[in-house]
PDB file of N, CA and C in Angstrom:
ATOM      1  N   MET A   1      92.936  62.995  99.033  1.00  0.00           N
ATOM      2  CA  MET A   1      93.566  64.249  98.668  1.00  0.00           C
ATOM      3  C   MET A   1      94.257  64.088  97.311  1.00  0.00           C
ATOM      4  N   LYS A   2      94.027  65.018  96.443  1.00  0.00           N
ATOM      5  CA  LYS A   2      94.610  64.996  95.112  1.00  0.00           C
ATOM      6  C   LYS A   2      96.025  65.570  95.153  1.00  0.00           C
ATOM      7  N   GLU A   3      96.990  64.790  94.641  1.00  0.00           N
ATOM      8  CA  GLU A   3      98.365  65.270  94.630  1.00  0.00           C
ATOM      9  C   GLU A   3      98.605  66.211  93.453  1.00  0.00           C
ATOM     10  N   LYS A   4      99.406  67.228  93.702  1.00  0.00           N
ATOM     11  CA  LYS A   4      99.752  68.213  92.688  1.00  0.00           C
ATOM     12  C   LYS A   4     100.860  67.664  91.786  1.00  0.00           C
ATOM     13  N   ASN A   5     100.772  67.966  90.506  1.00  0.00           N
ATOM     14  CA  ASN A   5     101.835  67.595  89.576  1.00  0.00           C
ATOM     15  C   ASN A   5     103.123  68.334  89.927  1.00  0.00           C
ATOM     16  N   THR A   6     104.251  67.729  89.612  1.00  0.00           N
ATOM     17  CA  THR A   6     105.538  68.393  89.770  1.00  0.00           C
ATOM     18  C   THR A   6     105.702  69.397  88.642  1.00  0.00           C
ATOM     19  N   SER A   7     106.002  70.630  88.990  1.00  0.00           N
ATOM     20  CA  SER A   7     106.222  71.677  87.992  1.00  0.00           C
ATOM     21  C   SER A   7     107.688  71.703  87.591  1.00  0.00           C
ATOM     22  N   ILE A   8     107.917  71.742  86.290  1.00  0.00           N
ATOM     23  CA  ILE A   8     109.271  71.764  85.745  1.00  0.00           C
ATOM     24  C   ILE A   8     109.428  73.003  84.879  1.00  0.00           C
ATOM     25  N   LEU A   9     110.489  73.752  85.131  1.00  0.00           N
ATOM     26  CA  LEU A   9     110.832  74.870  84.255  1.00  0.00           C
ATOM     27  C   LEU A   9     111.926  74.401  83.315  1.00  0.00           C
ATOM     28  N   VAL A  10     111.658  74.467  82.018  1.00  0.00           N
ATOM     29  CA  VAL A  10     112.646  74.108  81.009  1.00  0.00           C
ATOM     30  C   VAL A  10     113.147  75.405  80.379  1.00  0.00           C
ATOM     31  N   VAL A  11     114.442  75.648  80.534  1.00  0.00           N
ATOM     32  CA  VAL A  11     115.070  76.838  79.965  1.00  0.00           C
ATOM     33  C   VAL A  11     115.836  76.367  78.747  1.00  0.00           C
ATOM     34  N   GLU A  12     115.191  76.486  77.589  1.00  0.00           N
ATOM     35  CA  GLU A  12     115.729  75.908  76.348  1.00  0.00           C
ATOM     36  C   GLU A  12     115.266  76.746  75.172  1.00  0.00           C
ATOM     37  N   ASP A  13     116.218  77.282  74.402  1.00  0.00           N
ATOM     38  CA  ASP A  13     115.848  78.121  73.263  1.00  0.00           C
ATOM     39  C   ASP A  13     115.637  77.325  71.982  1.00  0.00           C
ATOM     40  N   ASP A  14     116.041  76.074  71.937  1.00  0.00           N
ATOM     41  CA  ASP A  14     115.882  75.244  70.746  1.00  0.00           C
ATOM     42  C   ASP A  14     114.545  74.494  70.811  1.00  0.00           C
ATOM     43  N   GLN A  15     113.642  74.803  69.893  1.00  0.00           N
ATOM     44  CA  GLN A  15     112.299  74.209  69.877  1.00  0.00           C
ATOM     45  C   GLN A  15     112.356  72.688  69.788  1.00  0.00           C
ATOM     46  N   GLU A  16     113.225  72.165  68.953  1.00  0.00           N
ATOM     47  CA  GLU A  16     113.323  70.709  68.780  1.00  0.00           C
ATOM     48  C   GLU A  16     113.770  70.021  70.071  1.00  0.00           C
ATOM     49  N   ASP A  17     114.759  70.573  70.731  1.00  0.00           N
ATOM     50  CA  ASP A  17     115.214  70.002  72.005  1.00  0.00           C
ATOM     51  C   ASP A  17     114.099  70.049  73.049  1.00  0.00           C
ATOM     52  N   PHE A  18     113.360  71.165  73.070  1.00  0.00           N
ATOM     53  CA  PHE A  18     112.250  71.271  74.016  1.00  0.00           C
ATOM     54  C   PHE A  18     111.186  70.213  73.734  1.00  0.00           C
ATOM     55  N   MET A  19     110.874  69.981  72.479  1.00  0.00           N
ATOM     56  CA  MET A  19     109.847  68.994  72.125  1.00  0.00           C
ATOM     57  C   MET A  19     110.265  67.587  72.563  1.00  0.00           C
ATOM     58  N   ILE A  20     111.550  67.279  72.477  1.00  0.00           N
ATOM     59  CA  ILE A  20     112.049  65.977  72.934  1.00  0.00           C
ATOM     60  C   ILE A  20     111.858  65.852  74.443  1.00  0.00           C
ATOM     61  N   ILE A  21     112.218  66.888  75.174  1.00  0.00           N
ATOM     62  CA  ILE A  21     112.056  66.883  76.639  1.00  0.00           C
ATOM     63  C   ILE A  21     110.585  66.750  77.010  1.00  0.00           C
ATOM     64  N   LYS A  22     109.743  67.519  76.366  1.00  0.00           N
ATOM     65  CA  LYS A  22     108.307  67.492  76.653  1.00  0.00           C
ATOM     66  C   LYS A  22     107.717  66.110  76.368  1.00  0.00           C
ATOM     67  N   ALA A  23     108.107  65.508  75.250  1.00  0.00           N
ATOM     68  CA  ALA A  23     107.604  64.178  74.899  1.00  0.00           C
ATOM     69  C   ALA A  23     108.036  63.135  75.928  1.00  0.00           C
ATOM     70  N   MET A  24     109.253  63.241  76.406  1.00  0.00           N
ATOM     71  CA  MET A  24     109.758  62.311  77.404  1.00  0.00           C
ATOM     72  C   MET A  24     108.912  62.381  78.682  1.00  0.00           C
ATOM     73  N   PHE A  25     108.646  63.591  79.163  1.00  0.00           N
ATOM     74  CA  PHE A  25     107.873  63.742  80.387  1.00  0.00           C
ATOM     75  C   PHE A  25     106.399  63.409  80.198  1.00  0.00           C
ATOM     76  N   SER A  26     105.869  63.572  78.998  1.00  0.00           N
ATOM     77  CA  SER A  26     104.454  63.259  78.768  1.00  0.00           C
ATOM     78  C   SER A  26     104.189  61.754  78.853  1.00  0.00           C
ATOM     79  N   LYS A  27     105.215  60.937  78.719  1.00  0.00           N
ATOM     80  CA  LYS A  27     105.064  59.478  78.829  1.00  0.00           C
ATOM     81  C   LYS A  27     104.995  59.009  80.284  1.00  0.00           C
ATOM     82  N   LEU A  28     105.393  59.853  81.206  1.00  0.00           N
ATOM     83  CA  LEU A  28     105.406  59.487  82.619  1.00  0.00           C
ATOM     84  C   LEU A  28     104.063  59.832  83.240  1.00  0.00           C
ATOM     85  N   ARG A  29     103.284  58.799  83.552  1.00  0.00           N
ATOM     86  CA  ARG A  29     101.918  58.990  84.046  1.00  0.00           C
ATOM     87  C   ARG A  29     101.681  58.145  85.285  1.00  0.00           C
ATOM     88  N   ASP A  30     100.654  58.524  86.047  1.00  0.00           N
ATOM     89  CA  ASP A  30     100.312  57.730  87.233  1.00  0.00           C
ATOM     90  C   ASP A  30      99.414  56.559  86.852  1.00  0.00           C
ATOM     91  N   GLU A  31      98.930  55.841  87.858  1.00  0.00           N
ATOM     92  CA  GLU A  31      98.123  54.637  87.603  1.00  0.00           C
ATOM     93  C   GLU A  31      96.778  54.945  86.944  1.00  0.00           C
ATOM     94  N   THR A  32      96.327  56.203  86.990  1.00  0.00           N
ATOM     95  CA  THR A  32      95.079  56.578  86.321  1.00  0.00           C
ATOM     96  C   THR A  32      95.338  57.231  84.962  1.00  0.00           C
ATOM     97  N   ASN A  33      96.579  57.161  84.507  1.00  0.00           N
ATOM     98  CA  ASN A  33      97.007  57.717  83.225  1.00  0.00           C
ATOM     99  C   ASN A  33      97.054  59.246  83.218  1.00  0.00           C
ATOM    100  N   LYS A  34      97.158  59.832  84.394  1.00  0.00           N
ATOM    101  CA  LYS A  34      97.247  61.294  84.519  1.00  0.00           C
ATOM    102  C   LYS A  34      98.711  61.720  84.428  1.00  0.00           C
ATOM    103  N   ASN A  35      98.952  62.832  83.732  1.00  0.00           N
ATOM    104  CA  ASN A  35     100.310  63.376  83.663  1.00  0.00           C
ATOM    105  C   ASN A  35     100.825  63.676  85.061  1.00  0.00           C
ATOM    106  N   LEU A  36     102.102  63.399  85.280  1.00  0.00           N
ATOM    107  CA  LEU A  36     102.724  63.656  86.581  1.00  0.00           C
ATOM    108  C   LEU A  36     103.446  64.997  86.618  1.00  0.00           C
ATOM    109  N   TYR A  37     103.655  65.599  85.453  1.00  0.00           N
ATOM    110  CA  TYR A  37     104.480  66.802  85.384  1.00  0.00           C
ATOM    111  C   TYR A  37     103.784  67.895  84.597  1.00  0.00           C
ATOM    112  N   GLU A  38     103.983  69.124  85.063  1.00  0.00           N
ATOM    113  CA  GLU A  38     103.562  70.309  84.319  1.00  0.00           C
ATOM    114  C   GLU A  38     104.825  71.003  83.855  1.00  0.00           C
ATOM    115  N   ILE A  39     104.905  71.261  82.570  1.00  0.00           N
ATOM    116  CA  ILE A  39     106.116  71.814  81.967  1.00  0.00           C
ATOM    117  C   ILE A  39     105.877  73.262  81.550  1.00  0.00           C
ATOM    118  N   ASP A  40     106.748  74.159  82.016  1.00  0.00           N
ATOM    119  CA  ASP A  40     106.788  75.544  81.540  1.00  0.00           C
ATOM    120  C   ASP A  40     108.092  75.710  80.781  1.00  0.00           C
ATOM    121  N   ARG A  41     108.037  76.468  79.711  1.00  0.00           N
ATOM    122  CA  ARG A  41     109.246  76.715  78.922  1.00  0.00           C
ATOM    123  C   ARG A  41     109.492  78.199  78.799  1.00  0.00           C
ATOM    124  N   VAL A  42     110.748  78.574  78.941  1.00  0.00           N
ATOM    125  CA  VAL A  42     111.211  79.915  78.612  1.00  0.00           C
ATOM    126  C   VAL A  42     112.451  79.753  77.752  1.00  0.00           C
ATOM    127  N   VAL A  43     112.785  80.808  77.011  1.00  0.00           N
ATOM    128  CA  VAL A  43     113.908  80.676  76.074  1.00  0.00           C
ATOM    129  C   VAL A  43     115.089  81.574  76.399  1.00  0.00           C
ATOM    130  N   THR A  44     114.899  82.548  77.280  1.00  0.00           N
ATOM    131  CA  THR A  44     116.005  83.459  77.565  1.00  0.00           C
ATOM    132  C   THR A  44     116.382  83.424  79.046  1.00  0.00           C
ATOM    133  N   TYR A  45     117.571  83.870  79.298  1.00  0.00           N
ATOM    134  CA  TYR A  45     118.120  84.007  80.647  1.00  0.00           C
ATOM    135  C   TYR A  45     117.193  84.844  81.520  1.00  0.00           C
ATOM    136  N   ASP A  46     116.801  86.008  81.016  1.00  0.00           N
ATOM    137  CA  ASP A  46     115.970  86.930  81.795  1.00  0.00           C
ATOM    138  C   ASP A  46     114.591  86.345  82.100  1.00  0.00           C
ATOM    139  N   GLU A  47     113.981  85.687  81.111  1.00  0.00           N
ATOM    140  CA  GLU A  47     112.682  85.047  81.337  1.00  0.00           C
ATOM    141  C   GLU A  47     112.793  83.978  82.422  1.00  0.00           C
ATOM    142  N   ALA A  48     113.874  83.231  82.396  1.00  0.00           N
ATOM    143  CA  ALA A  48     114.074  82.168  83.387  1.00  0.00           C
ATOM    144  C   ALA A  48     114.183  82.750  84.792  1.00  0.00           C
ATOM    145  N   MET A  49     114.945  83.823  84.943  1.00  0.00           N
ATOM    146  CA  MET A  49     115.076  84.458  86.254  1.00  0.00           C
ATOM    147  C   MET A  49     113.717  84.949  86.765  1.00  0.00           C
ATOM    148  N   GLU A  50     112.941  85.560  85.899  1.00  0.00           N
ATOM    149  CA  GLU A  50     111.620  86.058  86.287  1.00  0.00           C
ATOM    150  C   GLU A  50     110.711  84.914  86.731  1.00  0.00           C
ATOM    151  N   LYS A  51     110.695  83.818  85.978  1.00  0.00           N
ATOM    152  CA  LYS A  51     109.856  82.668  86.317  1.00  0.00           C
ATOM    153  C   LYS A  51     110.255  82.071  87.660  1.00  0.00           C
ATOM    154  N   LEU A  52     111.558  81.931  87.892  1.00  0.00           N
ATOM    155  CA  LEU A  52     112.014  81.344  89.153  1.00  0.00           C
ATOM    156  C   LEU A  52     111.674  82.229  90.351  1.00  0.00           C
ATOM    157  N   LYS A  53     111.611  83.544  90.137  1.00  0.00           N
ATOM    158  CA  LYS A  53     111.239  84.457  91.223  1.00  0.00           C
ATOM    159  C   LYS A  53     109.762  84.320  91.578  1.00  0.00           C
ATOM    160  N   LYS A  54     108.921  84.016  90.570  1.00  0.00           N
ATOM    161  CA  LYS A  54     107.476  84.056  90.744  1.00  0.00           C
ATOM    162  C   LYS A  54     106.814  82.697  90.967  1.00  0.00           C
ATOM    163  N   THR A  55     107.487  81.616  90.627  1.00  0.00           N
ATOM    164  CA  THR A  55     106.852  80.303  90.643  1.00  0.00           C
ATOM    165  C   THR A  55     107.702  79.314  91.426  1.00  0.00           C
ATOM    166  N   ASP A  56     107.035  78.424  92.144  1.00  0.00           N
ATOM    167  CA  ASP A  56     107.716  77.402  92.931  1.00  0.00           C
ATOM    168  C   ASP A  56     107.826  76.125  92.091  1.00  0.00           C
ATOM    169  N   TYR A  57     108.959  75.935  91.444  1.00  0.00           N
ATOM    170  CA  TYR A  57     109.172  74.758  90.601  1.00  0.00           C
ATOM    171  C   TYR A  57     109.817  73.633  91.390  1.00  0.00           C
ATOM    172  N   GLY A  58     109.499  72.400  90.998  1.00  0.00           N
ATOM    173  CA  GLY A  58     110.125  71.238  91.607  1.00  0.00           C
ATOM    174  C   GLY A  58     111.528  71.020  91.097  1.00  0.00           C
ATOM    175  N   VAL A  59     111.771  71.445  89.854  1.00  0.00           N
ATOM    176  CA  VAL A  59     113.086  71.295  89.232  1.00  0.00           C
ATOM    177  C   VAL A  59     113.165  72.228  88.022  1.00  0.00           C
ATOM    178  N   CYS A  60     114.390  72.589  87.663  1.00  0.00           N
ATOM    179  CA  CYS A  60     114.654  73.410  86.483  1.00  0.00           C
ATOM    180  C   CYS A  60     115.638  72.655  85.599  1.00  0.00           C
ATOM    181  N   LEU A  61     115.298  72.492  84.337  1.00  0.00           N
ATOM    182  CA  LEU A  61     116.207  71.923  83.340  1.00  0.00           C
ATOM    183  C   LEU A  61     116.785  73.091  82.562  1.00  0.00           C
ATOM    184  N   LEU A  62     118.094  73.233  82.603  1.00  0.00           N
ATOM    185  CA  LEU A  62     118.770  74.434  82.114  1.00  0.00           C
ATOM    186  C   LEU A  62     119.736  74.129  80.983  1.00  0.00           C
ATOM    187  N   ASP A  63     119.535  74.750  79.837  1.00  0.00           N
ATOM    188  CA  ASP A  63     120.453  74.640  78.705  1.00  0.00           C
ATOM    189  C   ASP A  63     121.676  75.532  78.947  1.00  0.00           C
ATOM    190  N   TYR A  64     122.780  75.195  78.309  1.00  0.00           N
ATOM    191  CA  TYR A  64     123.994  76.008  78.459  1.00  0.00           C
ATOM    192  C   TYR A  64     123.929  77.299  77.654  1.00  0.00           C
ATOM    193  N   ARG A  65     123.564  77.183  76.399  1.00  0.00           N
ATOM    194  CA  ARG A  65     123.532  78.364  75.517  1.00  0.00           C
ATOM    195  C   ARG A  65     122.157  79.013  75.574  1.00  0.00           C
ATOM    196  N   LEU A  66     122.133  80.243  76.082  1.00  0.00           N
ATOM    197  CA  LEU A  66     120.881  80.968  76.219  1.00  0.00           C
ATOM    198  C   LEU A  66     121.015  82.381  75.670  1.00  0.00           C
ATOM    199  N   PRO A  67     119.953  82.902  75.058  1.00  0.00           N
ATOM    200  CA  PRO A  67     119.970  84.320  74.729  1.00  0.00           C
ATOM    201  C   PRO A  67     120.016  85.137  76.025  1.00  0.00           C
ATOM    202  N   GLY A  68     121.019  85.977  76.163  1.00  0.00           N
ATOM    203  CA  GLY A  68     121.133  86.838  77.329  1.00  0.00           C
ATOM    204  C   GLY A  68     122.154  86.384  78.358  1.00  0.00           C
ATOM    205  N   GLY A  69     122.744  85.225  78.180  1.00  0.00           N
ATOM    206  CA  GLY A  69     123.749  84.737  79.130  1.00  0.00           C
ATOM    207  C   GLY A  69     123.903  83.232  79.016  1.00  0.00           C
ATOM    208  N   THR A  70     124.924  82.701  79.645  1.00  0.00           N
ATOM    209  CA  THR A  70     125.146  81.254  79.588  1.00  0.00           C
ATOM    210  C   THR A  70     124.481  80.570  80.782  1.00  0.00           C
ATOM    211  N   GLY A  71     124.364  79.259  80.677  1.00  0.00           N
ATOM    212  CA  GLY A  71     123.851  78.480  81.788  1.00  0.00           C
ATOM    213  C   GLY A  71     124.711  78.623  83.030  1.00  0.00           C
ATOM    214  N   LEU A  72     126.027  78.733  82.848  1.00  0.00           N
ATOM    215  CA  LEU A  72     126.910  78.933  84.003  1.00  0.00           C
ATOM    216  C   LEU A  72     126.641  80.276  84.675  1.00  0.00           C
ATOM    217  N   ASP A  73     126.433  81.311  83.872  1.00  0.00           N
ATOM    218  CA  ASP A  73     126.076  82.619  84.433  1.00  0.00           C
ATOM    219  C   ASP A  73     124.781  82.505  85.239  1.00  0.00           C
ATOM    220  N   PHE A  74     123.843  81.771  84.689  1.00  0.00           N
ATOM    221  CA  PHE A  74     122.544  81.583  85.332  1.00  0.00           C
ATOM    222  C   PHE A  74     122.708  80.867  86.671  1.00  0.00           C
ATOM    223  N   LEU A  75     123.513  79.803  86.691  1.00  0.00           N
ATOM    224  CA  LEU A  75     123.754  79.066  87.938  1.00  0.00           C
ATOM    225  C   LEU A  75     124.358  79.974  89.007  1.00  0.00           C
ATOM    226  N   ARG A  76     125.316  80.802  88.606  1.00  0.00           N
ATOM    227  CA  ARG A  76     125.939  81.733  89.556  1.00  0.00           C
ATOM    228  C   ARG A  76     124.908  82.710  90.128  1.00  0.00           C
ATOM    229  N   GLU A  77     124.064  83.235  89.261  1.00  0.00           N
ATOM    230  CA  GLU A  77     123.058  84.207  89.680  1.00  0.00           C
ATOM    231  C   GLU A  77     122.015  83.567  90.599  1.00  0.00           C
ATOM    232  N   VAL A  78     121.583  82.368  90.272  1.00  0.00           N
ATOM    233  CA  VAL A  78     120.615  81.665  91.109  1.00  0.00           C
ATOM    234  C   VAL A  78     121.205  81.423  92.498  1.00  0.00           C
ATOM    235  N   LYS A  79     122.461  81.016  92.542  1.00  0.00           N
ATOM    236  CA  LYS A  79     123.132  80.785  93.820  1.00  0.00           C
ATOM    237  C   LYS A  79     123.232  82.090  94.617  1.00  0.00           C
ATOM    238  N   ARG A  80     123.616  83.169  93.930  1.00  0.00           N
ATOM    239  CA  ARG A  80     123.748  84.474  94.582  1.00  0.00           C
ATOM    240  C   ARG A  80     122.421  84.929  95.188  1.00  0.00           C
ATOM    241  N   ARG A  81     121.329  84.656  94.484  1.00  0.00           N
ATOM    242  CA  ARG A  81     119.998  85.068  94.956  1.00  0.00           C
ATOM    243  C   ARG A  81     119.409  84.114  95.990  1.00  0.00           C
ATOM    244  N   GLY A  82     120.054  82.985  96.203  1.00  0.00           N
ATOM    245  CA  GLY A  82     119.565  82.032  97.192  1.00  0.00           C
ATOM    246  C   GLY A  82     118.353  81.237  96.749  1.00  0.00           C
ATOM    247  N   VAL A  83     118.167  81.096  95.441  1.00  0.00           N
ATOM    248  CA  VAL A  83     117.048  80.300  94.920  1.00  0.00           C
ATOM    249  C   VAL A  83     117.340  78.829  95.204  1.00  0.00           C
ATOM    250  N   ALA A  84     116.365  78.119  95.770  1.00  0.00           N
ATOM    251  CA  ALA A  84     116.603  76.761  96.249  1.00  0.00           C
ATOM    252  C   ALA A  84     116.046  75.669  95.342  1.00  0.00           C
ATOM    253  N   VAL A  85     115.778  75.962  94.101  1.00  0.00           N
ATOM    254  CA  VAL A  85     115.253  74.943  93.191  1.00  0.00           C
ATOM    255  C   VAL A  85     116.390  74.054  92.679  1.00  0.00           C
ATOM    256  N   PRO A  86     116.173  72.730  92.627  1.00  0.00           N
ATOM    257  CA  PRO A  86     117.187  71.866  92.014  1.00  0.00           C
ATOM    258  C   PRO A  86     117.303  72.185  90.522  1.00  0.00           C
ATOM    259  N   ILE A  87     118.528  72.236  90.013  1.00  0.00           N
ATOM    260  CA  ILE A  87     118.759  72.553  88.598  1.00  0.00           C
ATOM    261  C   ILE A  87     119.556  71.429  87.966  1.00  0.00           C
ATOM    262  N   ILE A  88     119.049  70.947  86.842  1.00  0.00           N
ATOM    263  CA  ILE A  88     119.766  69.961  86.043  1.00  0.00           C
ATOM    264  C   ILE A  88     120.300  70.707  84.825  1.00  0.00           C
ATOM    265  N   PHE A  89     121.606  70.715  84.700  1.00  0.00           N
ATOM    266  CA  PHE A  89     122.304  71.466  83.653  1.00  0.00           C
ATOM    267  C   PHE A  89     122.438  70.581  82.411  1.00  0.00           C
ATOM    268  N   LEU A  90     121.904  71.049  81.286  1.00  0.00           N
ATOM    269  CA  LEU A  90     121.924  70.288  80.035  1.00  0.00           C
ATOM    270  C   LEU A  90     122.905  70.913  79.057  1.00  0.00           C
ATOM    271  N   THR A  91     123.833  70.113  78.583  1.00  0.00           N
ATOM    272  CA  THR A  91     124.749  70.603  77.563  1.00  0.00           C
ATOM    273  C   THR A  91     125.295  69.436  76.765  1.00  0.00           C
ATOM    274  N   GLY A  92     125.538  69.673  75.514  1.00  0.00           N
ATOM    275  CA  GLY A  92     126.134  68.661  74.656  1.00  0.00           C
ATOM    276  C   GLY A  92     127.568  69.005  74.300  1.00  0.00           C
ATOM    277  N   LEU A  93     128.158  69.916  75.035  1.00  0.00           N
ATOM    278  CA  LEU A  93     129.489  70.395  74.690  1.00  0.00           C
ATOM    279  C   LEU A  93     130.606  69.415  75.023  1.00  0.00           C
ATOM    280  N   GLY A  94     130.415  68.553  76.001  1.00  0.00           N
ATOM    281  CA  GLY A  94     131.452  67.597  76.363  1.00  0.00           C
ATOM    282  C   GLY A  94     132.704  68.239  76.920  1.00  0.00           C
ATOM    283  N   ASN A  95     132.555  69.311  77.657  1.00  0.00           N
ATOM    284  CA  ASN A  95     133.668  70.054  78.221  1.00  0.00           C
ATOM    285  C   ASN A  95     133.736  69.763  79.720  1.00  0.00           C
ATOM    286  N   SER A  96     134.688  68.911  80.138  1.00  0.00           N
ATOM    287  CA  SER A  96     134.745  68.505  81.541  1.00  0.00           C
ATOM    288  C   SER A  96     135.076  69.664  82.470  1.00  0.00           C
ATOM    289  N   GLU A  97     135.815  70.636  82.006  1.00  0.00           N
ATOM    290  CA  GLU A  97     136.123  71.812  82.822  1.00  0.00           C
ATOM    291  C   GLU A  97     134.827  72.571  83.152  1.00  0.00           C
ATOM    292  N   MET A  98     133.981  72.745  82.142  1.00  0.00           N
ATOM    293  CA  MET A  98     132.699  73.414  82.353  1.00  0.00           C
ATOM    294  C   MET A  98     131.805  72.565  83.255  1.00  0.00           C
ATOM    295  N   ASP A  99     131.804  71.257  83.056  1.00  0.00           N
ATOM    296  CA  ASP A  99     131.021  70.361  83.902  1.00  0.00           C
ATOM    297  C   ASP A  99     131.408  70.536  85.364  1.00  0.00           C
ATOM    298  N   ASN A 100     132.689  70.573  85.636  1.00  0.00           N
ATOM    299  CA  ASN A 100     133.172  70.730  87.003  1.00  0.00           C
ATOM    300  C   ASN A 100     132.774  72.076  87.593  1.00  0.00           C
ATOM    301  N   GLU A 101     132.833  73.113  86.786  1.00  0.00           N
ATOM    302  CA  GLU A 101     132.450  74.444  87.257  1.00  0.00           C
ATOM    303  C   GLU A 101     130.963  74.483  87.600  1.00  0.00           C
ATOM    304  N   ALA A 102     130.148  73.844  86.766  1.00  0.00           N
ATOM    305  CA  ALA A 102     128.702  73.803  87.014  1.00  0.00           C
ATOM    306  C   ALA A 102     128.424  73.055  88.304  1.00  0.00           C
TER     307      ALA A 102
END
């Protein structure tokens, strides 16, 4: 039986940051040199919500600063809607208060 790749939703509006994330995951391969991950990217809050409603992702990588809302707003909305995808919150702000809230 062929195993399905893990789908990752990357919510990141910065092209350079996305390319770094994509390059990191492209290095992770199985014993036959097959990619282990499928990466989808969206850049806005609204696009991310739509994707999460329609697609079953293994994980979501979420930036803090997004067009249309913040990552914290997004986390609150996902929780309110009962979306069960694991979310890894990405930020370079170094704000421990925000970290705790997330």
